[in-house]
Amino acid sequence: MTEIKHLGVSFASKHLRCLFPEYCPVLDSILSNRLFYELSASGYKSFATACNDIAEELNGTNIVCPFPGKPSWRPSDVEAALFAWVNEWK
């Protein structure tokens, strides 16, 4: 996605989430800065892997996903929860 002219990691990851919400979280500048993930393809890969691992951990311990209509945690749900959490720091 980042090979499209003027489409950086943040905007590319937003497109990926719209296309594949069951797999793809968003890594924007806020999460990048506050969680120390580089805003690059390799940083996105690390972040997506971490979100997937956290989702698996939450599902494995039967922690109910708080998002309406979601029977289990997805990486994008983890990202949304992290985004809400880091925005409480203001």
C-alpha atoms as a PDB file:
ATOM      1  CA  MET A   1       0.000   0.000   0.000  1.00  0.00           C
ATOM      2  CA  THR A   2       2.811   2.445   0.767  1.00  0.00           C
ATOM      3  CA  GLU A   3       4.050   2.261  -2.804  1.00  0.00           C
ATOM      4  CA  ILE A   4       1.053   4.341  -3.880  1.00  0.00           C
ATOM      5  CA  LYS A   5       2.304   7.905  -4.279  1.00  0.00           C
ATOM      6  CA  HIS A   6       1.840  10.027  -1.123  1.00  0.00           C
ATOM      7  CA  LEU A   7       0.308   7.153   0.853  1.00  0.00           C
ATOM      8  CA  GLY A   8       2.282   6.757   4.084  1.00  0.00           C
ATOM      9  CA  VAL A   9       2.021   4.019   6.680  1.00  0.00           C
ATOM     10  CA  SER A  10      -0.685   5.785   8.686  1.00  0.00           C
ATOM     11  CA  PHE A  11      -3.059   6.287   5.777  1.00  0.00           C
ATOM     12  CA  ALA A  12      -2.168   2.934   4.197  1.00  0.00           C
ATOM     13  CA  SER A  13      -2.956   1.105   7.432  1.00  0.00           C
ATOM     14  CA  LYS A  14      -6.327   2.875   7.593  1.00  0.00           C
ATOM     15  CA  HIS A  15      -7.103   1.553   4.111  1.00  0.00           C
ATOM     16  CA  LEU A  16      -6.032  -1.944   5.153  1.00  0.00           C
ATOM     17  CA  ARG A  17      -8.282  -1.823   8.204  1.00  0.00           C
ATOM     18  CA  CYS A  18     -11.255  -0.835   6.041  1.00  0.00           C
ATOM     19  CA  LEU A  19     -10.517  -3.722   3.674  1.00  0.00           C
ATOM     20  CA  PHE A  20      -9.513  -6.370   6.246  1.00  0.00           C
ATOM     21  CA  PRO A  21     -10.670  -5.373   9.761  1.00  0.00           C
ATOM     22  CA  GLU A  22     -10.343  -8.940  10.984  1.00  0.00           C
ATOM     23  CA  TYR A  23      -6.559  -8.799  10.413  1.00  0.00           C
ATOM     24  CA  CYS A  24      -5.310  -5.221  10.120  1.00  0.00           C
ATOM     25  CA  PRO A  25      -4.998  -2.615  12.859  1.00  0.00           C
ATOM     26  CA  VAL A  26      -4.222   1.056  12.189  1.00  0.00           C
ATOM     27  CA  LEU A  27      -0.836   2.510  13.109  1.00  0.00           C
ATOM     28  CA  ASP A  28      -1.149   6.278  13.077  1.00  0.00           C
ATOM     29  CA  SER A  29       1.164   8.960  14.408  1.00  0.00           C
ATOM     30  CA  ILE A  30      -0.550   8.997  17.816  1.00  0.00           C
ATOM     31  CA  LEU A  31      -0.041   5.285  18.473  1.00  0.00           C
ATOM     32  CA  SER A  32       3.391   5.389  16.863  1.00  0.00           C
ATOM     33  CA  ASN A  33       4.559   8.182  19.174  1.00  0.00           C
ATOM     34  CA  ARG A  34       2.942   6.969  22.371  1.00  0.00           C
ATOM     35  CA  LEU A  35       3.673   3.249  22.004  1.00  0.00           C
ATOM     36  CA  PHE A  36       7.093   3.700  20.344  1.00  0.00           C
ATOM     37  CA  TYR A  37       6.396   1.864  17.103  1.00  0.00           C
ATOM     38  CA  GLU A  38       8.266   3.292  14.132  1.00  0.00           C
ATOM     39  CA  LEU A  39       5.919   4.698  11.487  1.00  0.00           C
ATOM     40  CA  SER A  40       7.347   2.442   8.775  1.00  0.00           C
ATOM     41  CA  ALA A  41       6.485  -0.865   7.126  1.00  0.00           C
ATOM     42  CA  SER A  42       8.593  -2.781   9.656  1.00  0.00           C
ATOM     43  CA  GLY A  43       7.075  -0.783  12.543  1.00  0.00           C
ATOM     44  CA  TYR A  44       3.598  -1.580  11.242  1.00  0.00           C
ATOM     45  CA  LYS A  45       4.468  -5.266  10.996  1.00  0.00           C
ATOM     46  CA  SER A  46       5.672  -5.263  14.621  1.00  0.00           C
ATOM     47  CA  PHE A  47       2.558  -3.402  15.768  1.00  0.00           C
ATOM     48  CA  ALA A  48       0.198  -5.694  13.828  1.00  0.00           C
ATOM     49  CA  THR A  49       1.942  -8.751  15.282  1.00  0.00           C
ATOM     50  CA  ALA A  50       1.635  -7.349  18.807  1.00  0.00           C
ATOM     51  CA  CYS A  51      -2.082  -6.591  18.281  1.00  0.00           C
ATOM     52  CA  ASN A  52      -2.628 -10.120  16.982  1.00  0.00           C
ATOM     53  CA  ASP A  53      -0.768 -11.632  19.949  1.00  0.00           C
ATOM     54  CA  ILE A  54      -2.790  -9.541  22.416  1.00  0.00           C
ATOM     55  CA  ALA A  55      -6.056 -10.542  20.692  1.00  0.00           C
ATOM     56  CA  GLU A  56      -5.101 -14.213  20.945  1.00  0.00           C
ATOM     57  CA  GLU A  57      -4.230 -13.779  24.624  1.00  0.00           C
ATOM     58  CA  LEU A  58      -7.547 -12.038  25.369  1.00  0.00           C
ATOM     59  CA  ASN A  59      -9.507 -14.693  23.486  1.00  0.00           C
ATOM     60  CA  GLY A  60      -7.538 -17.494  25.158  1.00  0.00           C
ATOM     61  CA  THR A  61      -8.423 -16.186  28.613  1.00  0.00           C
ATOM     62  CA  ASN A  62     -12.089 -15.699  27.657  1.00  0.00           C
ATOM     63  CA  ILE A  63     -12.040 -11.931  28.184  1.00  0.00           C
ATOM     64  CA  VAL A  64     -15.184 -10.700  26.447  1.00  0.00           C
ATOM     65  CA  CYS A  65     -14.697  -8.234  23.611  1.00  0.00           C
ATOM     66  CA  PRO A  66     -16.573  -5.051  24.557  1.00  0.00           C
ATOM     67  CA  PHE A  67     -17.348  -4.049  20.979  1.00  0.00           C
ATOM     68  CA  PRO A  68     -20.973  -4.692  19.937  1.00  0.00           C
ATOM     69  CA  GLY A  69     -21.471  -7.654  17.643  1.00  0.00           C
ATOM     70  CA  LYS A  70     -17.926  -8.986  18.043  1.00  0.00           C
ATOM     71  CA  PRO A  71     -17.817 -12.510  19.465  1.00  0.00           C
ATOM     72  CA  SER A  72     -14.035 -12.396  19.889  1.00  0.00           C
ATOM     73  CA  TRP A  73     -11.120  -9.958  19.860  1.00  0.00           C
ATOM     74  CA  ARG A  74      -9.502  -9.062  16.532  1.00  0.00           C
ATOM     75  CA  PRO A  75      -6.207  -7.189  16.062  1.00  0.00           C
ATOM     76  CA  SER A  76      -8.203  -4.132  14.961  1.00  0.00           C
ATOM     77  CA  ASP A  77     -10.249  -4.281  18.200  1.00  0.00           C
ATOM     78  CA  VAL A  78      -7.038  -4.336  20.224  1.00  0.00           C
ATOM     79  CA  GLU A  79      -5.789  -1.306  18.269  1.00  0.00           C
ATOM     80  CA  ALA A  80      -9.056   0.551  18.938  1.00  0.00           C
ATOM     81  CA  ALA A  81      -8.768  -0.197  22.668  1.00  0.00           C
ATOM     82  CA  LEU A  82      -5.125   0.933  22.686  1.00  0.00           C
ATOM     83  CA  PHE A  83      -6.064   4.115  20.835  1.00  0.00           C
ATOM     84  CA  ALA A  84      -8.726   4.909  23.432  1.00  0.00           C
ATOM     85  CA  TRP A  85      -6.281   4.141  26.242  1.00  0.00           C
ATOM     86  CA  VAL A  86      -3.443   6.327  24.951  1.00  0.00           C
ATOM     87  CA  ASN A  87      -5.860   9.208  24.426  1.00  0.00           C
ATOM     88  CA  GLU A  88      -6.704   9.130  28.140  1.00  0.00           C
ATOM     89  CA  TRP A  89      -3.134  10.393  28.757  1.00  0.00           C
ATOM     90  CA  LYS A  90      -3.947  13.928  27.578  1.00  0.00           C
END
